[in-house]
Amino acid sequence: MDVLFQIIGYGIQIYMYAIIIYILMSWFPGARESSIGQLLAKIVEPYLEPFRKIIPPIGGVIDISPIVAIFVLQFAIGGLNYLYRIIVFGF
């Protein structure tokens, strides 16, 4: 059971890093059009899309939805840790 929770936790962390890399790629011209950028877009965009529908860009330019999406993933890791403690330790 411990290994399963660790794998899920590491998977969420890797996904957060993928989001951060994808965001940073927007600062470099043509980076998102590269093969790595397109792969990250296929992985990250489906998760970011609902946040972009809810949170409009600030001033029409600055998109803070990825930051909110990362916070949600952080909450998921916290909830996963809490669930693990309940299952294993009973509190």
PDB file of N, CA and C in Angstrom:
ATOM      1  N   MET A   1       0.832  -1.186   0.000  1.00  0.00           N
ATOM      2  CA  MET A   1       0.000   0.000   0.000  1.00  0.00           C
ATOM      3  C   MET A   1       0.881   1.255   0.000  1.00  0.00           C
ATOM      4  N   ASP A   2       1.967   1.190   0.761  1.00  0.00           N
ATOM      5  CA  ASP A   2       2.875   2.332   0.855  1.00  0.00           C
ATOM      6  C   ASP A   2       3.455   2.679  -0.515  1.00  0.00           C
ATOM      7  N   VAL A   3       3.842   1.675  -1.266  1.00  0.00           N
ATOM      8  CA  VAL A   3       4.442   1.897  -2.584  1.00  0.00           C
ATOM      9  C   VAL A   3       3.439   2.540  -3.536  1.00  0.00           C
ATOM     10  N   LEU A   4       2.197   2.121  -3.473  1.00  0.00           N
ATOM     11  CA  LEU A   4       1.162   2.686  -4.334  1.00  0.00           C
ATOM     12  C   LEU A   4       0.986   4.181  -4.080  1.00  0.00           C
ATOM     13  N   PHE A   5       0.914   4.568  -2.810  1.00  0.00           N
ATOM     14  CA  PHE A   5       0.771   5.986  -2.478  1.00  0.00           C
ATOM     15  C   PHE A   5       2.005   6.786  -2.908  1.00  0.00           C
ATOM     16  N   GLN A   6       3.180   6.198  -2.780  1.00  0.00           N
ATOM     17  CA  GLN A   6       4.399   6.894  -3.209  1.00  0.00           C
ATOM     18  C   GLN A   6       4.410   7.080  -4.725  1.00  0.00           C
ATOM     19  N   ILE A   7       4.016   6.066  -5.458  1.00  0.00           N
ATOM     20  CA  ILE A   7       3.989   6.172  -6.922  1.00  0.00           C
ATOM     21  C   ILE A   7       3.001   7.247  -7.365  1.00  0.00           C
ATOM     22  N   ILE A   8       1.828   7.272  -6.759  1.00  0.00           N
ATOM     23  CA  ILE A   8       0.834   8.295  -7.106  1.00  0.00           C
ATOM     24  C   ILE A   8       1.364   9.685  -6.752  1.00  0.00           C
ATOM     25  N   GLY A   9       1.969   9.823  -5.584  1.00  0.00           N
ATOM     26  CA  GLY A   9       2.533  11.111  -5.167  1.00  0.00           C
ATOM     27  C   GLY A   9       3.629  11.584  -6.105  1.00  0.00           C
ATOM     28  N   TYR A  10       4.538  10.676  -6.484  1.00  0.00           N
ATOM     29  CA  TYR A  10       5.602  11.044  -7.428  1.00  0.00           C
ATOM     30  C   TYR A  10       5.023  11.397  -8.794  1.00  0.00           C
ATOM     31  N   GLY A  11       3.992  10.684  -9.207  1.00  0.00           N
ATOM     32  CA  GLY A  11       3.347  10.995 -10.481  1.00  0.00           C
ATOM     33  C   GLY A  11       2.755  12.390 -10.492  1.00  0.00           C
ATOM     34  N   ILE A  12       2.128  12.782  -9.394  1.00  0.00           N
ATOM     35  CA  ILE A  12       1.559  14.135  -9.296  1.00  0.00           C
ATOM     36  C   ILE A  12       2.669  15.174  -9.311  1.00  0.00           C
ATOM     37  N   GLN A  13       3.773  14.902  -8.619  1.00  0.00           N
ATOM     38  CA  GLN A  13       4.896  15.846  -8.623  1.00  0.00           C
ATOM     39  C   GLN A  13       5.495  15.989 -10.020  1.00  0.00           C
ATOM     40  N   ILE A  14       5.659  14.892 -10.717  1.00  0.00           N
ATOM     41  CA  ILE A  14       6.198  14.957 -12.081  1.00  0.00           C
ATOM     42  C   ILE A  14       5.252  15.754 -12.979  1.00  0.00           C
ATOM     43  N   TYR A  15       3.953  15.576 -12.787  1.00  0.00           N
ATOM     44  CA  TYR A  15       2.969  16.325 -13.571  1.00  0.00           C
ATOM     45  C   TYR A  15       3.074  17.824 -13.271  1.00  0.00           C
ATOM     46  N   MET A  16       3.308  18.177 -12.010  1.00  0.00           N
ATOM     47  CA  MET A  16       3.485  19.593 -11.663  1.00  0.00           C
ATOM     48  C   MET A  16       4.719  20.161 -12.353  1.00  0.00           C
ATOM     49  N   TYR A  17       5.800  19.383 -12.392  1.00  0.00           N
ATOM     50  CA  TYR A  17       7.006  19.835 -13.094  1.00  0.00           C
ATOM     51  C   TYR A  17       6.740  20.004 -14.582  1.00  0.00           C
ATOM     52  N   ALA A  18       5.936  19.112 -15.157  1.00  0.00           N
ATOM     53  CA  ALA A  18       5.588  19.233 -16.571  1.00  0.00           C
ATOM     54  C   ALA A  18       4.819  20.527 -16.823  1.00  0.00           C
ATOM     55  N   ILE A  19       3.921  20.884 -15.921  1.00  0.00           N
ATOM     56  CA  ILE A  19       3.170  22.144 -16.057  1.00  0.00           C
ATOM     57  C   ILE A  19       4.121  23.332 -15.974  1.00  0.00           C
ATOM     58  N   ILE A  20       5.036  23.297 -15.021  1.00  0.00           N
ATOM     59  CA  ILE A  20       5.988  24.412 -14.859  1.00  0.00           C
ATOM     60  C   ILE A  20       6.864  24.551 -16.103  1.00  0.00           C
ATOM     61  N   ILE A  21       7.366  23.444 -16.627  1.00  0.00           N
ATOM     62  CA  ILE A  21       8.192  23.497 -17.836  1.00  0.00           C
ATOM     63  C   ILE A  21       7.378  24.034 -19.008  1.00  0.00           C
ATOM     64  N   TYR A  22       6.136  23.600 -19.110  1.00  0.00           N
ATOM     65  CA  TYR A  22       5.270  24.073 -20.196  1.00  0.00           C
ATOM     66  C   TYR A  22       5.029  25.580 -20.085  1.00  0.00           C
ATOM     67  N   ILE A  23       4.840  26.064 -18.880  1.00  0.00           N
ATOM     68  CA  ILE A  23       4.641  27.499 -18.672  1.00  0.00           C
ATOM     69  C   ILE A  23       5.900  28.263 -19.060  1.00  0.00           C
ATOM     70  N   LEU A  24       7.051  27.772 -18.621  1.00  0.00           N
ATOM     71  CA  LEU A  24       8.312  28.457 -18.927  1.00  0.00           C
ATOM     72  C   LEU A  24       8.603  28.451 -20.426  1.00  0.00           C
ATOM     73  N   MET A  25       8.134  27.441 -21.127  1.00  0.00           N
ATOM     74  CA  MET A  25       8.351  27.383 -22.577  1.00  0.00           C
ATOM     75  C   MET A  25       7.642  28.526 -23.297  1.00  0.00           C
ATOM     76  N   SER A  26       6.616  29.081 -22.680  1.00  0.00           N
ATOM     77  CA  SER A  26       5.900  30.191 -23.321  1.00  0.00           C
ATOM     78  C   SER A  26       6.759  31.453 -23.368  1.00  0.00           C
ATOM     79  N   TRP A  27       7.807  31.503 -22.589  1.00  0.00           N
ATOM     80  CA  TRP A  27       8.682  32.675 -22.589  1.00  0.00           C
ATOM     81  C   TRP A  27       9.664  32.677 -23.753  1.00  0.00           C
ATOM     82  N   PHE A  28       9.839  31.529 -24.398  1.00  0.00           N
ATOM     83  CA  PHE A  28      10.796  31.411 -25.485  1.00  0.00           C
ATOM     84  C   PHE A  28      10.055  31.240 -26.801  1.00  0.00           C
ATOM     85  N   PRO A  29      10.352  32.100 -27.778  1.00  0.00           N
ATOM     86  CA  PRO A  29       9.637  32.020 -29.062  1.00  0.00           C
ATOM     87  C   PRO A  29       9.853  30.670 -29.741  1.00  0.00           C
ATOM     88  N   GLY A  30       8.778  30.046 -30.146  1.00  0.00           N
ATOM     89  CA  GLY A  30       8.842  28.798 -30.883  1.00  0.00           C
ATOM     90  C   GLY A  30       9.064  27.558 -30.040  1.00  0.00           C
ATOM     91  N   ALA A  31       9.228  27.707 -28.735  1.00  0.00           N
ATOM     92  CA  ALA A  31       9.510  26.542 -27.893  1.00  0.00           C
ATOM     93  C   ALA A  31       8.308  25.606 -27.819  1.00  0.00           C
ATOM     94  N   ARG A  32       7.108  26.162 -27.784  1.00  0.00           N
ATOM     95  CA  ARG A  32       5.916  25.308 -27.699  1.00  0.00           C
ATOM     96  C   ARG A  32       5.618  24.609 -29.019  1.00  0.00           C
ATOM     97  N   GLU A  33       6.197  25.095 -30.112  1.00  0.00           N
ATOM     98  CA  GLU A  33       5.996  24.452 -31.403  1.00  0.00           C
ATOM     99  C   GLU A  33       6.988  23.313 -31.623  1.00  0.00           C
ATOM    100  N   SER A  34       7.973  23.167 -30.748  1.00  0.00           N
ATOM    101  CA  SER A  34       8.927  22.070 -30.871  1.00  0.00           C
ATOM    102  C   SER A  34       8.234  20.752 -30.523  1.00  0.00           C
ATOM    103  N   SER A  35       8.921  19.646 -30.767  1.00  0.00           N
ATOM    104  CA  SER A  35       8.314  18.340 -30.492  1.00  0.00           C
ATOM    105  C   SER A  35       8.072  18.155 -28.991  1.00  0.00           C
ATOM    106  N   ILE A  36       8.980  18.637 -28.173  1.00  0.00           N
ATOM    107  CA  ILE A  36       8.793  18.539 -26.713  1.00  0.00           C
ATOM    108  C   ILE A  36       7.632  19.423 -26.275  1.00  0.00           C
ATOM    109  N   GLY A  37       7.546  20.621 -26.841  1.00  0.00           N
ATOM    110  CA  GLY A  37       6.444  21.519 -26.513  1.00  0.00           C
ATOM    111  C   GLY A  37       5.094  20.950 -26.898  1.00  0.00           C
ATOM    112  N   GLN A  38       5.032  20.312 -28.052  1.00  0.00           N
ATOM    113  CA  GLN A  38       3.776  19.707 -28.491  1.00  0.00           C
ATOM    114  C   GLN A  38       3.403  18.510 -27.626  1.00  0.00           C
ATOM    115  N   LEU A  39       4.397  17.724 -27.206  1.00  0.00           N
ATOM    116  CA  LEU A  39       4.129  16.599 -26.311  1.00  0.00           C
ATOM    117  C   LEU A  39       3.611  17.092 -24.967  1.00  0.00           C
ATOM    118  N   LEU A  40       4.264  18.118 -24.417  1.00  0.00           N
ATOM    119  CA  LEU A  40       3.805  18.680 -23.146  1.00  0.00           C
ATOM    120  C   LEU A  40       2.410  19.276 -23.283  1.00  0.00           C
ATOM    121  N   ALA A  41       2.127  19.891 -24.416  1.00  0.00           N
ATOM    122  CA  ALA A  41       0.790  20.462 -24.640  1.00  0.00           C
ATOM    123  C   ALA A  41      -0.279  19.376 -24.598  1.00  0.00           C
ATOM    124  N   LYS A  42       0.011  18.225 -25.195  1.00  0.00           N
ATOM    125  CA  LYS A  42      -0.956  17.125 -25.181  1.00  0.00           C
ATOM    126  C   LYS A  42      -1.180  16.588 -23.778  1.00  0.00           C
ATOM    127  N   ILE A  43      -0.161  16.674 -22.949  1.00  0.00           N
ATOM    128  CA  ILE A  43      -0.252  16.153 -21.590  1.00  0.00           C
ATOM    129  C   ILE A  43      -0.885  17.169 -20.637  1.00  0.00           C
ATOM    130  N   VAL A  44      -0.512  18.431 -20.775  1.00  0.00           N
ATOM    131  CA  VAL A  44      -0.859  19.462 -19.793  1.00  0.00           C
ATOM    132  C   VAL A  44      -2.144  20.217 -20.129  1.00  0.00           C
ATOM    133  N   GLU A  45      -2.369  20.501 -21.397  1.00  0.00           N
ATOM    134  CA  GLU A  45      -3.515  21.334 -21.785  1.00  0.00           C
ATOM    135  C   GLU A  45      -4.874  20.772 -21.349  1.00  0.00           C
ATOM    136  N   PRO A  46      -5.124  19.463 -21.438  1.00  0.00           N
ATOM    137  CA  PRO A  46      -6.437  18.980 -20.976  1.00  0.00           C
ATOM    138  C   PRO A  46      -6.701  19.277 -19.498  1.00  0.00           C
ATOM    139  N   TYR A  47      -5.659  19.301 -18.698  1.00  0.00           N
ATOM    140  CA  TYR A  47      -5.830  19.624 -17.272  1.00  0.00           C
ATOM    141  C   TYR A  47      -5.998  21.131 -17.066  1.00  0.00           C
ATOM    142  N   LEU A  48      -5.273  21.942 -17.830  1.00  0.00           N
ATOM    143  CA  LEU A  48      -5.340  23.397 -17.661  1.00  0.00           C
ATOM    144  C   LEU A  48      -6.607  24.014 -18.243  1.00  0.00           C
ATOM    145  N   GLU A  49      -7.200  23.365 -19.222  1.00  0.00           N
ATOM    146  CA  GLU A  49      -8.372  23.924 -19.917  1.00  0.00           C
ATOM    147  C   GLU A  49      -9.516  24.315 -18.982  1.00  0.00           C
ATOM    148  N   PRO A  50      -9.950  23.467 -18.043  1.00  0.00           N
ATOM    149  CA  PRO A  50     -11.048  23.884 -17.153  1.00  0.00           C
ATOM    150  C   PRO A  50     -10.693  25.103 -16.291  1.00  0.00           C
ATOM    151  N   PHE A  51      -9.441  25.200 -15.896  1.00  0.00           N
ATOM    152  CA  PHE A  51      -9.027  26.354 -15.090  1.00  0.00           C
ATOM    153  C   PHE A  51      -9.048  27.625 -15.928  1.00  0.00           C
ATOM    154  N   ARG A  52      -8.688  27.518 -17.190  1.00  0.00           N
ATOM    155  CA  ARG A  52      -8.697  28.687 -18.073  1.00  0.00           C
ATOM    156  C   ARG A  52     -10.115  29.157 -18.367  1.00  0.00           C
ATOM    157  N   LYS A  53     -11.064  28.229 -18.344  1.00  0.00           N
ATOM    158  CA  LYS A  53     -12.462  28.623 -18.557  1.00  0.00           C
ATOM    159  C   LYS A  53     -12.998  29.393 -17.353  1.00  0.00           C
ATOM    160  N   ILE A  54     -12.531  29.056 -16.159  1.00  0.00           N
ATOM    161  CA  ILE A  54     -13.016  29.679 -14.930  1.00  0.00           C
ATOM    162  C   ILE A  54     -12.281  30.982 -14.621  1.00  0.00           C
ATOM    163  N   ILE A  55     -10.963  30.989 -14.822  1.00  0.00           N
ATOM    164  CA  ILE A  55     -10.130  32.124 -14.429  1.00  0.00           C
ATOM    165  C   ILE A  55      -9.669  32.872 -15.681  1.00  0.00           C
ATOM    166  N   PRO A  56     -10.184  34.065 -15.910  1.00  0.00           N
ATOM    167  CA  PRO A  56      -9.747  34.827 -17.088  1.00  0.00           C
ATOM    168  C   PRO A  56      -8.346  35.412 -16.861  1.00  0.00           C
ATOM    169  N   PRO A  57      -7.610  35.656 -17.944  1.00  0.00           N
ATOM    170  CA  PRO A  57      -6.286  36.270 -17.802  1.00  0.00           C
ATOM    171  C   PRO A  57      -6.384  37.670 -17.193  1.00  0.00           C
ATOM    172  N   ILE A  58      -5.423  38.006 -16.383  1.00  0.00           N
ATOM    173  CA  ILE A  58      -5.385  39.338 -15.760  1.00  0.00           C
ATOM    174  C   ILE A  58      -4.932  40.337 -16.821  1.00  0.00           C
ATOM    175  N   GLY A  59      -5.735  41.335 -17.043  1.00  0.00           N
ATOM    176  CA  GLY A  59      -5.421  42.343 -18.043  1.00  0.00           C
ATOM    177  C   GLY A  59      -5.416  41.793 -19.459  1.00  0.00           C
ATOM    178  N   GLY A  60      -5.992  40.620 -19.631  1.00  0.00           N
ATOM    179  CA  GLY A  60      -6.012  40.007 -20.940  1.00  0.00           C
ATOM    180  C   GLY A  60      -4.683  39.428 -21.369  1.00  0.00           C
ATOM    181  N   VAL A  61      -3.674  39.479 -20.477  1.00  0.00           N
ATOM    182  CA  VAL A  61      -2.333  39.058 -20.856  1.00  0.00           C
ATOM    183  C   VAL A  61      -1.768  37.975 -19.933  1.00  0.00           C
ATOM    184  N   ILE A  62      -1.886  38.164 -18.633  1.00  0.00           N
ATOM    185  CA  ILE A  62      -1.247  37.273 -17.664  1.00  0.00           C
ATOM    186  C   ILE A  62      -2.218  36.165 -17.268  1.00  0.00           C
ATOM    187  N   ASP A  63      -1.835  34.936 -17.557  1.00  0.00           N
ATOM    188  CA  ASP A  63      -2.664  33.770 -17.276  1.00  0.00           C
ATOM    189  C   ASP A  63      -2.205  33.152 -15.955  1.00  0.00           C
ATOM    190  N   ILE A  64      -3.048  33.268 -14.930  1.00  0.00           N
ATOM    191  CA  ILE A  64      -2.690  32.703 -13.625  1.00  0.00           C
ATOM    192  C   ILE A  64      -3.328  31.336 -13.396  1.00  0.00           C
ATOM    193  N   SER A  65      -4.056  30.830 -14.370  1.00  0.00           N
ATOM    194  CA  SER A  65      -4.712  29.536 -14.199  1.00  0.00           C
ATOM    195  C   SER A  65      -3.732  28.388 -13.945  1.00  0.00           C
ATOM    196  N   PRO A  66      -2.522  28.375 -14.542  1.00  0.00           N
ATOM    197  CA  PRO A  66      -1.590  27.297 -14.198  1.00  0.00           C
ATOM    198  C   PRO A  66      -1.162  27.315 -12.729  1.00  0.00           C
ATOM    199  N   ILE A  67      -1.088  28.487 -12.146  1.00  0.00           N
ATOM    200  CA  ILE A  67      -0.726  28.581 -10.728  1.00  0.00           C
ATOM    201  C   ILE A  67      -1.825  27.954  -9.874  1.00  0.00           C
ATOM    202  N   VAL A  68      -3.066  28.262 -10.199  1.00  0.00           N
ATOM    203  CA  VAL A  68      -4.198  27.667  -9.472  1.00  0.00           C
ATOM    204  C   VAL A  68      -4.221  26.157  -9.685  1.00  0.00           C
ATOM    205  N   ALA A  69      -3.926  25.713 -10.909  1.00  0.00           N
ATOM    206  CA  ALA A  69      -3.908  24.282 -11.202  1.00  0.00           C
ATOM    207  C   ALA A  69      -2.829  23.566 -10.384  1.00  0.00           C
ATOM    208  N   ILE A  70      -1.685  24.211 -10.207  1.00  0.00           N
ATOM    209  CA  ILE A  70      -0.618  23.619  -9.389  1.00  0.00           C
ATOM    210  C   ILE A  70      -1.039  23.575  -7.925  1.00  0.00           C
ATOM    211  N   PHE A  71      -1.701  24.606  -7.434  1.00  0.00           N
ATOM    212  CA  PHE A  71      -2.208  24.583  -6.051  1.00  0.00           C
ATOM    213  C   PHE A  71      -3.192  23.427  -5.857  1.00  0.00           C
ATOM    214  N   VAL A  72      -4.037  23.176  -6.844  1.00  0.00           N
ATOM    215  CA  VAL A  72      -4.988  22.065  -6.743  1.00  0.00           C
ATOM    216  C   VAL A  72      -4.235  20.736  -6.663  1.00  0.00           C
ATOM    217  N   LEU A  73      -3.173  20.599  -7.434  1.00  0.00           N
ATOM    218  CA  LEU A  73      -2.367  19.378  -7.355  1.00  0.00           C
ATOM    219  C   LEU A  73      -1.682  19.258  -5.993  1.00  0.00           C
ATOM    220  N   GLN A  74      -1.256  20.389  -5.434  1.00  0.00           N
ATOM    221  CA  GLN A  74      -0.662  20.369  -4.086  1.00  0.00           C
ATOM    222  C   GLN A  74      -1.697  19.911  -3.065  1.00  0.00           C
ATOM    223  N   PHE A  75      -2.927  20.385  -3.194  1.00  0.00           N
ATOM    224  CA  PHE A  75      -4.008  19.922  -2.312  1.00  0.00           C
ATOM    225  C   PHE A  75      -4.225  18.418  -2.484  1.00  0.00           C
ATOM    226  N   ALA A  76      -4.120  17.946  -3.721  1.00  0.00           N
ATOM    227  CA  ALA A  76      -4.288  16.518  -3.979  1.00  0.00           C
ATOM    228  C   ALA A  76      -3.207  15.705  -3.275  1.00  0.00           C
ATOM    229  N   ILE A  77      -1.984  16.200  -3.285  1.00  0.00           N
ATOM    230  CA  ILE A  77      -0.900  15.502  -2.573  1.00  0.00           C
ATOM    231  C   ILE A  77      -1.170  15.510  -1.080  1.00  0.00           C
ATOM    232  N   GLY A  78      -1.628  16.649  -0.543  1.00  0.00           N
ATOM    233  CA  GLY A  78      -1.977  16.711   0.877  1.00  0.00           C
ATOM    234  C   GLY A  78      -3.103  15.760   1.228  1.00  0.00           C
ATOM    235  N   GLY A  79      -4.115  15.699   0.383  1.00  0.00           N
ATOM    236  CA  GLY A  79      -5.226  14.781   0.606  1.00  0.00           C
ATOM    237  C   GLY A  79      -4.785  13.332   0.509  1.00  0.00           C
ATOM    238  N   LEU A  80      -3.880  13.061  -0.391  1.00  0.00           N
ATOM    239  CA  LEU A  80      -3.338  11.709  -0.526  1.00  0.00           C
ATOM    240  C   LEU A  80      -2.571  11.304   0.733  1.00  0.00           C
ATOM    241  N   ASN A  81      -1.763  12.222   1.254  1.00  0.00           N
ATOM    242  CA  ASN A  81      -1.027  11.942   2.491  1.00  0.00           C
ATOM    243  C   ASN A  81      -1.991  11.719   3.659  1.00  0.00           C
ATOM    244  N   TYR A  82      -3.038  12.525   3.726  1.00  0.00           N
ATOM    245  CA  TYR A  82      -4.032  12.380   4.788  1.00  0.00           C
ATOM    246  C   TYR A  82      -4.749  11.027   4.680  1.00  0.00           C
ATOM    247  N   LEU A  83      -5.127  10.661   3.466  1.00  0.00           N
ATOM    248  CA  LEU A  83      -5.786   9.378   3.246  1.00  0.00           C
ATOM    249  C   LEU A  83      -4.867   8.216   3.630  1.00  0.00           C
ATOM    250  N   TYR A  84      -3.603   8.350   3.294  1.00  0.00           N
ATOM    251  CA  TYR A  84      -2.634   7.310   3.651  1.00  0.00           C
ATOM    252  C   TYR A  84      -2.547   7.146   5.171  1.00  0.00           C
ATOM    253  N   ARG A  85      -2.483   8.278   5.886  1.00  0.00           N
ATOM    254  CA  ARG A  85      -2.404   8.205   7.351  1.00  0.00           C
ATOM    255  C   ARG A  85      -3.657   7.578   7.942  1.00  0.00           C
ATOM    256  N   ILE A  86      -4.811   7.869   7.379  1.00  0.00           N
ATOM    257  CA  ILE A  86      -6.060   7.271   7.882  1.00  0.00           C
ATOM    258  C   ILE A  86      -6.048   5.766   7.651  1.00  0.00           C
ATOM    259  N   ILE A  87      -5.633   5.350   6.476  1.00  0.00           N
ATOM    260  CA  ILE A  87      -5.644   3.924   6.159  1.00  0.00           C
ATOM    261  C   ILE A  87      -4.618   3.159   6.985  1.00  0.00           C
ATOM    262  N   VAL A  88      -3.415   3.698   7.078  1.00  0.00           N
ATOM    263  CA  VAL A  88      -2.344   2.961   7.742  1.00  0.00           C
ATOM    264  C   VAL A  88      -2.401   3.086   9.267  1.00  0.00           C
ATOM    265  N   PHE A  89      -2.572   4.307   9.749  1.00  0.00           N
ATOM    266  CA  PHE A  89      -2.489   4.535  11.191  1.00  0.00           C
ATOM    267  C   PHE A  89      -3.836   4.643  11.863  1.00  0.00           C
ATOM    268  N   GLY A  90      -4.885   4.836  11.100  1.00  0.00           N
ATOM    269  CA  GLY A  90      -6.224   4.894  11.664  1.00  0.00           C
ATOM    270  C   GLY A  90      -6.580   6.221  12.311  1.00  0.00           C
ATOM    271  N   PHE A  91      -5.867   7.300  11.942  1.00  0.00           N
ATOM    272  CA  PHE A  91      -6.237   8.637  12.460  1.00  0.00           C
ATOM    273  C   PHE A  91      -6.027   9.704  11.445  1.00  0.00           C
TER     274      PHE A  91
END
